[in-house]
Amino acid sequence: MKKEMFVHEITVLRDTFRRLLRRHAKTNLIKLIQKTHPADLAVLFRYFSDTEQTTLFGYMIEDVHTAEVMVELDESIVSNLLEREDPTRIVRIFQELGSNDQADILNLLSEEKVQSVLDLMKEEEQEEVEEILAYPEDSAGSLMSTDVFTLHEETSAEEAIRSLQDHEDAEMVFYLYITNDDGGLIGVISLRDLVTTPPEVRLKDIMAKHVHSVRPETDQEEVAHIVSQYNYLAIPVVDSDDHILGIVTVDDVVDVIREEATEDFLQMAGAGKDREILLKSSWDNARARLPWLFASWIGGIVAAYIIGAFEHVLEATMALAAFIPVIIGMGGNVGTQSSTIVVRGLATGRVNIGDDLKLILKETSVGLILGGLYGLLLGVFAVFKFLDTSPYLGLVVGLSICASMLIATFIGTLVPLLLRKLDVDPAIATGPFVTTSIDILGVALYFLIAISILPVG
């Protein structure tokens, strides 16, 4: 019901915006933009043409609302809008954004555009953004906000609260990070603990001394894993001397989790890794998926060659041809299921290092159970469907299904685990590579079992 209401509201808003755009009702459009939530505006922009997007963006005031819209918009839309925008206006919008959000947006633009924007920024802001841009993409350093609130360990609770009140622009003050004389991070205290502590108590006496932190080069997926595992609202980023450089907040981590999950599922389906593939043109979409499908094409050619090599077997028992699609389909499906389970387990940390053999045996057992069940069912079906053929046809089909599903679960589990050991993203294993190898092996085993059991002459 809530989803239906949301869709209805978005549709009404879209139609209202378009009606006002056709009437060139600038004043009404400006009022409607200000009344619409930034997240809803970001969704609406997907429905508009490039011309409509440019017009609406031109009407937007350079304030906090517009800055929040920029953060919510799809990357491709942001890129298209700002590449044509005056750098002076971009800088005015940037005044309402944190340095990490500024860096995220600049990463979407051409080098020439980035430099023109940086040249117009204040020196201090420019240095902060350039520092973040220098870190590897998809790292903790590229996500962190540098406006972090820290306090010395000798500060009293009363002084800490007073300092916090004077520091309105601090990012995510649910946690207060405590430093020593050298500026090193030595503890953390929650805002709740601070306000319930007697005024004269020193922070060093109430702080938690064990602080989870990450380095700026830490991959964003690892950061997301730490935050989600320990239910943190933020995690500090420190250098080699434990000096705090910034913090990664939970709102950024939620975006990371969504982006990484989208990438994994796209790669598992063999559709590339572009998170905004639905917003691309048909040609760009096809070009992204072309190399992934090439593996399937190669697999099909190999499978066809194998079938051709056993042509004499098919001529002797034509009924064998009827079960080739079932052998391929069942093996491919169960193999994809196993690889998806393993890849998701690796991403969420549920698959632990050292449990590889146990996991392989478990999934292979699942393949044996399913293969035995469906092999029996299909074998019985083959016997009654093709009464005029060899009575051993059911045995051939049943054994082939069982062997195909057993091998499929083994490959589907093994390949992601091997790729992880080779430090390659395991998600790429669950695409056409796994299904293609299973198809080839399934067909080959089918005919090998057939010539071993059936009297083919």
Protein backbone atom coordinates (compact mmCIF):
# COMPACT_ATOMS: atom_id res chain seq x y z
CA MET A 1 0.00 0.00 0.00
CA LYS A 2 2.78 2.45 0.93
CA LYS A 3 4.65 1.64 -2.27
CA GLU A 4 1.51 2.28 -4.32
CA MET A 5 1.03 5.62 -2.56
CA PHE A 6 4.62 6.60 -3.26
CA VAL A 7 4.31 5.73 -6.96
CA HIS A 8 1.04 7.69 -7.16
CA GLU A 9 2.60 10.75 -5.50
CA ILE A 10 5.62 10.67 -7.80
CA THR A 11 3.35 10.38 -10.85
CA VAL A 12 1.25 13.35 -9.72
CA LEU A 13 4.39 15.41 -9.05
CA ARG A 14 5.87 14.50 -12.43
CA ASP A 15 2.70 15.53 -14.25
CA THR A 16 2.52 18.78 -12.27
CA PHE A 17 6.12 19.68 -13.10
CA ARG A 18 5.58 18.95 -16.78
CA ARG A 19 2.39 20.97 -16.90
CA LEU A 20 4.18 23.96 -15.32
CA LEU A 21 7.15 23.50 -17.68
CA ARG A 22 4.86 23.65 -20.70
CA ARG A 23 3.33 26.89 -19.36
CA HIS A 24 6.81 28.31 -18.54
CA ALA A 25 5.52 29.04 -15.03
CA LYS A 26 8.89 29.86 -13.53
CA THR A 27 7.62 31.29 -10.22
CA ASN A 28 5.36 28.30 -9.58
CA LEU A 29 8.13 25.89 -10.52
CA ILE A 30 10.56 27.52 -8.07
CA LYS A 31 7.98 27.21 -5.26
CA LEU A 32 7.24 23.58 -6.15
CA ILE A 33 10.94 22.72 -6.26
CA GLN A 34 11.43 24.17 -2.77
CA LYS A 35 8.46 22.21 -1.41
CA THR A 36 9.55 18.88 -2.90
CA HIS A 37 11.86 16.67 -0.85
CA PRO A 38 15.38 16.36 -2.37
CA ALA A 39 15.10 12.57 -2.59
CA ASP A 40 11.78 12.86 -4.46
CA LEU A 41 13.25 15.44 -6.82
CA ALA A 42 16.12 13.06 -7.59
CA VAL A 43 13.58 10.38 -8.57
CA LEU A 44 11.59 12.85 -10.68
CA PHE A 45 14.66 13.91 -12.65
CA ARG A 46 14.88 10.37 -14.06
CA TYR A 47 11.56 10.92 -15.84
CA PHE A 48 12.54 14.23 -17.43
CA SER A 49 14.34 14.82 -20.72
CA ASP A 50 17.74 16.55 -20.82
CA THR A 51 16.05 19.83 -21.73
CA GLU A 52 13.56 19.57 -18.86
CA GLN A 53 16.35 18.67 -16.41
CA THR A 54 18.43 21.64 -17.51
CA THR A 55 15.47 24.02 -17.21
CA LEU A 56 14.53 22.83 -13.73
CA PHE A 57 18.11 22.92 -12.51
CA GLY A 58 18.41 26.47 -13.82
CA TYR A 59 15.44 27.49 -11.65
CA MET A 60 16.92 26.00 -8.49
CA ILE A 61 18.26 28.42 -5.90
CA GLU A 62 21.86 27.95 -4.68
CA ASP A 63 20.89 26.87 -1.17
CA VAL A 64 20.96 23.82 1.13
CA HIS A 65 17.95 22.30 -0.62
CA THR A 66 19.66 22.33 -4.01
CA ALA A 67 22.86 20.96 -2.48
CA GLU A 68 20.92 18.05 -1.01
CA VAL A 69 19.29 17.40 -4.39
CA MET A 70 22.75 17.23 -6.01
CA VAL A 71 23.81 14.55 -3.53
CA GLU A 72 20.67 12.49 -4.22
CA LEU A 73 20.75 12.70 -8.03
CA ASP A 74 22.04 9.82 -10.18
CA GLU A 75 25.67 10.22 -11.19
CA SER A 76 24.96 10.43 -14.92
CA ILE A 77 22.38 13.20 -14.38
CA VAL A 78 24.77 15.19 -12.16
CA SER A 79 27.49 14.88 -14.77
CA ASN A 80 25.22 16.04 -17.61
CA LEU A 81 23.92 19.01 -15.64
CA LEU A 82 27.21 20.32 -14.26
CA GLU A 83 29.32 19.86 -17.39
CA ARG A 84 27.18 22.57 -18.99
CA GLU A 85 26.89 24.70 -15.84
CA ASP A 86 28.84 27.84 -15.03
CA PRO A 87 31.64 27.03 -12.51
CA THR A 88 30.70 30.07 -10.41
CA ARG A 89 27.23 28.65 -9.78
CA ILE A 90 28.66 25.22 -8.97
CA VAL A 91 30.92 26.80 -6.33
CA ARG A 92 27.94 28.61 -4.77
CA ILE A 93 26.09 25.30 -4.46
CA PHE A 94 29.23 23.66 -3.07
CA GLN A 95 29.20 26.12 -0.16
CA GLU A 96 26.34 24.06 1.31
CA LEU A 97 28.10 20.69 0.88
CA GLY A 98 30.72 18.86 2.90
CA SER A 99 34.13 18.31 1.37
CA ASN A 100 33.47 14.60 0.78
CA ASP A 101 30.26 15.33 -1.17
CA GLN A 102 32.10 18.00 -3.16
CA ALA A 103 34.80 15.50 -4.05
CA ASP A 104 32.21 12.87 -5.04
CA ILE A 105 30.58 15.28 -7.48
CA LEU A 106 33.88 16.54 -8.90
CA ASN A 107 34.91 12.94 -9.60
CA LEU A 108 32.05 12.80 -12.10
CA LEU A 109 33.27 15.78 -14.14
CA SER A 110 35.99 16.29 -16.72
CA GLU A 111 39.44 17.39 -15.55
CA GLU A 112 38.99 20.78 -17.20
CA LYS A 113 35.70 21.38 -15.39
CA VAL A 114 37.12 20.19 -12.07
CA GLN A 115 40.05 22.58 -12.32
CA SER A 116 37.82 25.53 -13.20
CA VAL A 117 35.70 24.84 -10.10
CA LEU A 118 38.69 24.34 -7.78
CA ASP A 119 40.24 27.61 -8.96
CA LEU A 120 37.17 29.50 -7.73
CA MET A 121 37.04 27.88 -4.30
CA LYS A 122 38.60 29.30 -1.16
CA GLU A 123 42.13 28.09 -0.55
CA GLU A 124 41.27 26.12 2.61
CA GLU A 125 38.25 24.43 1.00
CA GLN A 126 40.25 23.71 -2.13
CA GLU A 127 42.97 21.96 -0.12
CA GLU A 128 40.43 19.79 1.70
CA VAL A 129 38.75 18.70 -1.53
CA GLU A 130 42.05 18.05 -3.30
CA GLU A 131 43.18 15.92 -0.36
CA ILE A 132 40.07 13.74 -0.69
CA LEU A 133 40.39 13.58 -4.49
CA ALA A 134 43.95 12.29 -4.05
CA TYR A 135 42.75 9.14 -2.29
CA PRO A 136 41.87 6.05 -4.35
CA GLU A 137 38.30 5.90 -5.61
CA ASP A 138 36.01 3.71 -3.44
CA SER A 139 38.34 4.08 -0.45
CA ALA A 140 37.68 5.35 3.08
CA GLY A 141 39.63 8.51 2.28
CA SER A 142 37.32 9.35 -0.61
CA LEU A 143 34.25 8.89 1.62
CA MET A 144 35.35 10.68 4.78
CA SER A 145 34.23 14.05 6.02
CA THR A 146 37.16 16.12 7.28
CA ASP A 147 35.06 18.33 9.56
CA VAL A 148 35.37 16.13 12.63
CA PHE A 149 34.94 17.13 16.26
CA THR A 150 37.73 16.05 18.66
CA LEU A 151 38.47 16.84 22.30
CA HIS A 152 41.53 16.47 24.51
CA GLU A 153 41.49 13.70 27.13
CA GLU A 154 41.87 16.20 30.02
CA THR A 155 38.70 18.09 29.02
CA SER A 156 35.90 17.95 31.57
CA ALA A 157 32.36 16.92 30.62
CA GLU A 158 31.10 20.47 31.23
CA GLU A 159 33.80 21.98 28.97
CA ALA A 160 33.10 19.35 26.32
CA ILE A 161 29.39 20.24 26.18
CA ARG A 162 30.24 23.94 25.96
CA SER A 163 32.73 23.29 23.14
CA LEU A 164 30.17 21.20 21.31
CA GLN A 165 27.62 24.00 21.47
CA ASP A 166 30.15 26.36 19.88
CA HIS A 167 30.92 23.92 17.06
CA GLU A 168 27.68 23.86 15.07
CA ASP A 169 29.18 22.60 11.81
CA ALA A 170 30.63 19.38 13.22
CA GLU A 171 29.78 16.25 11.26
CA MET A 172 27.99 13.45 13.14
CA VAL A 173 28.52 14.42 16.79
CA PHE A 174 26.84 11.28 18.14
CA TYR A 175 30.42 10.26 18.91
CA LEU A 176 33.13 12.49 20.37
CA TYR A 177 36.66 11.37 19.59
CA ILE A 178 39.29 11.89 22.27
CA THR A 179 42.94 12.72 21.56
CA ASN A 180 46.16 12.89 23.61
CA ASP A 181 48.87 15.56 23.72
CA ASP A 182 50.30 14.34 20.40
CA GLY A 183 46.93 14.55 18.66
CA GLY A 184 46.61 10.77 18.46
CA LEU A 185 43.20 9.10 18.71
CA ILE A 186 42.98 7.29 22.05
CA GLY A 187 39.26 6.99 22.82
CA VAL A 188 35.63 7.71 22.01
CA ILE A 189 32.59 8.72 24.00
CA SER A 190 28.95 8.82 22.93
CA LEU A 191 26.91 11.99 23.21
CA ARG A 192 24.51 10.17 25.54
CA ASP A 193 27.31 9.26 27.94
CA LEU A 194 28.64 12.81 27.85
CA VAL A 195 25.37 14.51 28.83
CA THR A 196 24.70 12.01 31.63
CA THR A 197 28.17 12.44 33.18
CA PRO A 198 28.84 14.79 36.17
CA PRO A 199 30.29 18.13 34.91
CA GLU A 200 33.69 17.81 36.62
CA VAL A 201 34.56 14.32 35.30
CA ARG A 202 37.43 14.17 32.79
CA LEU A 203 36.80 12.57 29.42
CA LYS A 204 39.72 10.17 29.85
CA ASP A 205 37.88 8.60 32.81
CA ILE A 206 34.68 7.80 30.89
CA MET A 207 35.88 7.22 27.32
CA ALA A 208 35.95 3.83 25.61
CA LYS A 209 39.62 3.17 24.93
CA HIS A 210 39.14 0.55 22.22
CA VAL A 211 38.29 2.46 19.04
CA HIS A 212 37.72 0.82 15.67
CA SER A 213 39.36 2.91 12.98
CA VAL A 214 40.39 2.55 9.34
CA ARG A 215 43.14 3.95 7.15
CA PRO A 216 42.31 6.30 4.26
CA GLU A 217 43.29 3.66 1.69
CA THR A 218 40.94 1.02 3.20
CA ASP A 219 38.41 -0.21 0.64
CA GLN A 220 34.91 1.18 1.12
CA GLU A 221 33.43 -2.32 1.21
CA GLU A 222 35.55 -3.18 4.24
CA VAL A 223 34.48 0.08 5.91
CA ALA A 224 30.84 -0.80 5.28
CA HIS A 225 31.39 -4.27 6.72
CA ILE A 226 32.88 -2.87 9.96
CA VAL A 227 30.12 -0.29 10.41
CA SER A 228 27.33 -2.80 9.76
CA GLN A 229 28.88 -5.52 11.94
CA TYR A 230 29.30 -3.28 14.99
CA ASN A 231 26.28 -1.03 14.31
CA TYR A 232 28.35 2.15 14.40
CA LEU A 233 26.98 5.52 13.33
CA ALA A 234 30.46 6.59 12.20
CA ILE A 235 34.01 5.30 12.03
CA PRO A 236 37.18 7.44 12.24
CA VAL A 237 39.82 7.50 9.51
CA VAL A 238 43.37 7.81 10.87
CA ASP A 239 46.89 8.05 9.46
CA SER A 240 49.93 5.94 10.41
CA ASP A 241 50.42 8.03 13.59
CA ASP A 242 46.76 7.60 14.64
CA HIS A 243 46.02 11.23 13.91
CA ILE A 244 42.36 11.49 12.95
CA LEU A 245 41.87 12.66 9.35
CA GLY A 246 38.09 12.47 9.21
CA ILE A 247 35.11 10.20 9.74
CA VAL A 248 32.95 8.03 7.49
CA THR A 249 29.31 8.35 8.56
CA VAL A 250 26.56 5.76 8.37
CA ASP A 251 24.63 7.61 5.64
CA ASP A 252 27.63 7.24 3.34
CA VAL A 253 27.98 3.59 4.36
CA VAL A 254 24.35 2.89 3.41
CA ASP A 255 25.10 4.27 -0.07
CA VAL A 256 28.22 2.09 -0.27
CA ILE A 257 26.29 -1.05 0.68
CA ARG A 258 23.67 -0.29 -1.96
CA GLU A 259 26.26 0.47 -4.64
CA GLU A 260 28.37 -2.61 -3.89
CA ALA A 261 25.33 -4.88 -3.83
CA THR A 262 24.15 -3.45 -7.16
CA GLU A 263 27.58 -3.99 -8.70
CA ASP A 264 27.71 -7.57 -7.43
CA PHE A 265 24.29 -8.47 -8.79
CA LEU A 266 25.02 -6.88 -12.17
CA GLN A 267 28.28 -8.80 -12.44
CA MET A 268 26.65 -12.02 -11.31
CA ALA A 269 24.08 -11.60 -14.07
CA GLY A 270 26.81 -10.84 -16.60
CA ALA A 271 25.55 -7.29 -17.22
CA GLY A 272 28.78 -5.42 -16.43
CA LYS A 273 29.19 -3.33 -13.28
CA ASP A 274 27.77 0.06 -14.22
CA ARG A 275 25.32 0.86 -11.42
CA GLU A 276 23.38 3.23 -13.67
CA ILE A 277 23.07 0.93 -16.64
CA LEU A 278 19.30 1.54 -16.86
CA LEU A 279 19.97 5.21 -17.55
CA LYS A 280 22.36 4.47 -20.42
CA SER A 281 21.42 4.44 -24.10
CA SER A 282 20.62 1.15 -25.84
CA TRP A 283 24.03 1.17 -27.53
CA ASP A 284 25.94 1.83 -24.30
CA ASN A 285 23.88 -0.84 -22.57
CA ALA A 286 24.62 -3.40 -25.30
CA ARG A 287 28.33 -2.49 -25.36
CA ALA A 288 28.62 -3.03 -21.59
CA ARG A 289 27.04 -6.48 -21.79
CA LEU A 290 28.77 -7.59 -24.99
CA PRO A 291 32.06 -8.89 -23.49
CA TRP A 292 30.25 -10.74 -20.70
CA LEU A 293 28.00 -12.55 -23.15
CA PHE A 294 30.98 -13.50 -25.30
CA ALA A 295 31.81 -16.21 -22.76
CA SER A 296 28.32 -17.66 -23.23
CA TRP A 297 28.76 -17.53 -26.98
CA ILE A 298 32.05 -19.43 -26.74
CA GLY A 299 30.41 -21.94 -24.43
CA GLY A 300 27.58 -22.47 -26.90
CA ILE A 301 30.03 -23.10 -29.72
CA VAL A 302 31.93 -25.65 -27.62
CA ALA A 303 28.69 -27.36 -26.55
CA ALA A 304 27.56 -27.52 -30.18
CA TYR A 305 30.89 -29.06 -31.16
CA ILE A 306 30.51 -31.71 -28.43
CA ILE A 307 26.98 -32.54 -29.59
CA GLY A 308 28.27 -32.80 -33.17
CA ALA A 309 31.03 -35.15 -32.06
CA PHE A 310 28.40 -37.51 -30.62
CA GLU A 311 26.11 -37.29 -33.63
CA HIS A 312 26.19 -41.07 -34.07
CA VAL A 313 24.84 -41.48 -30.53
CA LEU A 314 21.91 -39.15 -31.27
CA GLU A 315 21.17 -40.99 -34.52
CA ALA A 316 21.00 -44.30 -32.65
CA THR A 317 18.81 -42.90 -29.84
CA MET A 318 17.03 -39.72 -30.93
CA ALA A 319 15.28 -39.48 -27.55
CA LEU A 320 18.57 -38.28 -26.04
CA ALA A 321 18.18 -34.93 -27.81
CA ALA A 322 14.98 -34.19 -25.91
CA PHE A 323 16.81 -34.04 -22.59
CA ILE A 324 19.77 -31.83 -23.56
CA PRO A 325 17.98 -28.56 -22.59
CA VAL A 326 17.00 -30.05 -19.21
CA ILE A 327 20.56 -31.20 -18.47
CA ILE A 328 21.96 -27.75 -19.33
CA GLY A 329 19.20 -25.79 -17.58
CA MET A 330 19.19 -27.70 -14.29
CA GLY A 331 22.97 -27.64 -14.00
CA GLY A 332 23.22 -23.95 -14.85
CA ASN A 333 20.49 -22.97 -12.38
CA VAL A 334 21.86 -24.87 -9.40
CA GLY A 335 25.40 -23.69 -10.20
CA THR A 336 24.26 -20.06 -10.25
CA GLN A 337 22.42 -20.59 -6.96
CA SER A 338 25.58 -21.94 -5.29
CA SER A 339 27.82 -19.18 -6.63
CA THR A 340 25.31 -16.48 -5.63
CA ILE A 341 25.14 -17.86 -2.08
CA VAL A 342 28.94 -17.94 -1.82
CA VAL A 343 29.47 -14.46 -3.31
CA ARG A 344 26.86 -12.95 -1.01
CA GLY A 345 28.39 -14.78 1.94
CA LEU A 346 31.82 -13.38 1.08
CA ALA A 347 30.40 -9.86 0.78
CA THR A 348 28.58 -10.01 4.12
CA GLY A 349 31.35 -11.84 5.99
CA ARG A 350 29.26 -14.96 6.60
CA VAL A 351 31.78 -17.06 4.68
CA ASN A 352 34.82 -17.20 6.95
CA ILE A 353 38.42 -17.69 5.84
CA GLY A 354 39.47 -21.27 6.46
CA ASP A 355 35.99 -22.77 5.98
CA ASP A 356 36.44 -23.27 2.23
CA LEU A 357 36.54 -27.08 2.29
CA LYS A 358 33.56 -27.28 4.63
CA LEU A 359 31.54 -24.96 2.38
CA ILE A 360 32.47 -26.88 -0.78
CA LEU A 361 31.46 -30.19 0.81
CA LYS A 362 28.20 -28.71 2.05
CA GLU A 363 27.18 -27.25 -1.32
CA THR A 364 28.30 -30.42 -3.13
CA SER A 365 26.10 -32.44 -0.76
CA VAL A 366 23.20 -30.16 -1.65
CA GLY A 367 23.93 -30.80 -5.34
CA LEU A 368 23.98 -34.56 -4.73
CA ILE A 369 20.65 -34.49 -2.89
CA LEU A 370 18.94 -32.31 -5.51
CA GLY A 371 20.57 -34.21 -8.37
CA GLY A 372 19.44 -37.53 -6.93
CA LEU A 373 15.87 -36.31 -6.49
CA TYR A 374 15.48 -34.69 -9.90
CA GLY A 375 17.48 -37.45 -11.57
CA LEU A 376 15.02 -40.02 -10.24
CA LEU A 377 12.00 -37.97 -11.34
CA LEU A 378 13.38 -37.30 -14.83
CA GLY A 379 14.59 -40.88 -15.22
CA VAL A 380 11.13 -42.24 -14.48
CA PHE A 381 9.61 -39.71 -16.87
CA ALA A 382 12.04 -40.76 -19.63
CA VAL A 383 11.15 -44.45 -19.23
CA PHE A 384 7.40 -43.87 -19.54
CA LYS A 385 7.65 -41.16 -22.21
CA PHE A 386 9.88 -43.16 -24.58
CA LEU A 387 8.62 -46.71 -24.17
CA ASP A 388 9.91 -47.76 -27.60
CA THR A 389 13.55 -46.89 -26.80
CA SER A 390 16.12 -48.66 -24.66
CA PRO A 391 14.98 -49.28 -21.06
CA TYR A 392 18.34 -47.85 -19.96
CA LEU A 393 17.41 -44.35 -21.23
CA GLY A 394 15.94 -43.44 -17.85
CA LEU A 395 19.16 -44.51 -16.12
CA VAL A 396 21.27 -42.40 -18.50
CA VAL A 397 19.09 -39.32 -18.01
CA GLY A 398 18.89 -39.76 -14.23
CA LEU A 399 22.64 -40.23 -13.79
CA SER A 400 23.37 -37.30 -16.11
CA ILE A 401 21.13 -34.91 -14.17
CA CYS A 402 22.67 -36.06 -10.89
CA ALA A 403 26.24 -35.70 -12.20
CA SER A 404 25.51 -32.32 -13.81
CA MET A 405 24.02 -30.82 -10.63
CA LEU A 406 26.80 -32.30 -8.49
CA ILE A 407 29.51 -30.74 -10.66
CA ALA A 408 27.55 -27.48 -10.97
CA THR A 409 27.41 -26.95 -7.20
CA PHE A 410 31.10 -27.83 -6.93
CA ILE A 411 32.14 -25.32 -9.63
CA GLY A 412 29.69 -22.67 -8.44
CA THR A 413 31.21 -22.85 -4.96
CA LEU A 414 34.86 -23.34 -5.87
CA VAL A 415 35.33 -20.57 -8.45
CA PRO A 416 34.34 -17.60 -6.19
CA LEU A 417 36.53 -19.00 -3.39
CA LEU A 418 39.50 -19.33 -5.76
CA LEU A 419 39.01 -15.81 -7.08
CA ARG A 420 38.97 -14.44 -3.54
CA LYS A 421 42.33 -16.11 -2.86
CA LEU A 422 43.66 -14.53 -6.07
CA ASP A 423 42.39 -11.14 -4.82
CA VAL A 424 39.90 -10.87 -7.70
CA ASP A 425 36.32 -9.72 -7.15
CA PRO A 426 34.36 -12.99 -6.70
CA ALA A 427 31.20 -11.46 -8.17
CA ILE A 428 32.60 -11.81 -11.69
CA ALA A 429 32.62 -15.59 -11.27
CA THR A 430 28.86 -15.93 -11.09
CA GLY A 431 28.16 -14.59 -14.53
CA PRO A 432 28.49 -16.45 -17.82
CA PHE A 433 31.80 -18.05 -16.79
CA VAL A 434 30.23 -20.46 -14.29
CA THR A 435 27.12 -21.29 -16.33
CA THR A 436 29.16 -21.75 -19.52
CA SER A 437 31.61 -24.18 -17.93
CA ILE A 438 28.72 -26.10 -16.38
CA ASP A 439 26.92 -26.31 -19.75
CA ILE A 440 30.00 -27.72 -21.46
CA LEU A 441 30.73 -30.27 -18.74
CA GLY A 442 27.05 -31.22 -18.45
CA VAL A 443 26.67 -32.00 -22.15
CA ALA A 444 29.98 -33.87 -22.29
CA LEU A 445 29.07 -36.01 -19.27
CA TYR A 446 25.61 -36.71 -20.70
CA PHE A 447 27.01 -38.25 -23.87
CA LEU A 448 29.83 -40.07 -22.08
CA ILE A 449 27.28 -41.70 -19.78
CA ALA A 450 25.07 -42.48 -22.77
CA ILE A 451 27.78 -44.30 -24.75
CA SER A 452 28.77 -46.20 -21.60
CA ILE A 453 25.27 -47.53 -20.93
CA LEU A 454 23.21 -47.47 -24.13
CA PRO A 455 23.77 -49.89 -27.00
CA VAL A 456 24.68 -47.32 -29.66
CA GLY A 457 26.55 -49.76 -31.94
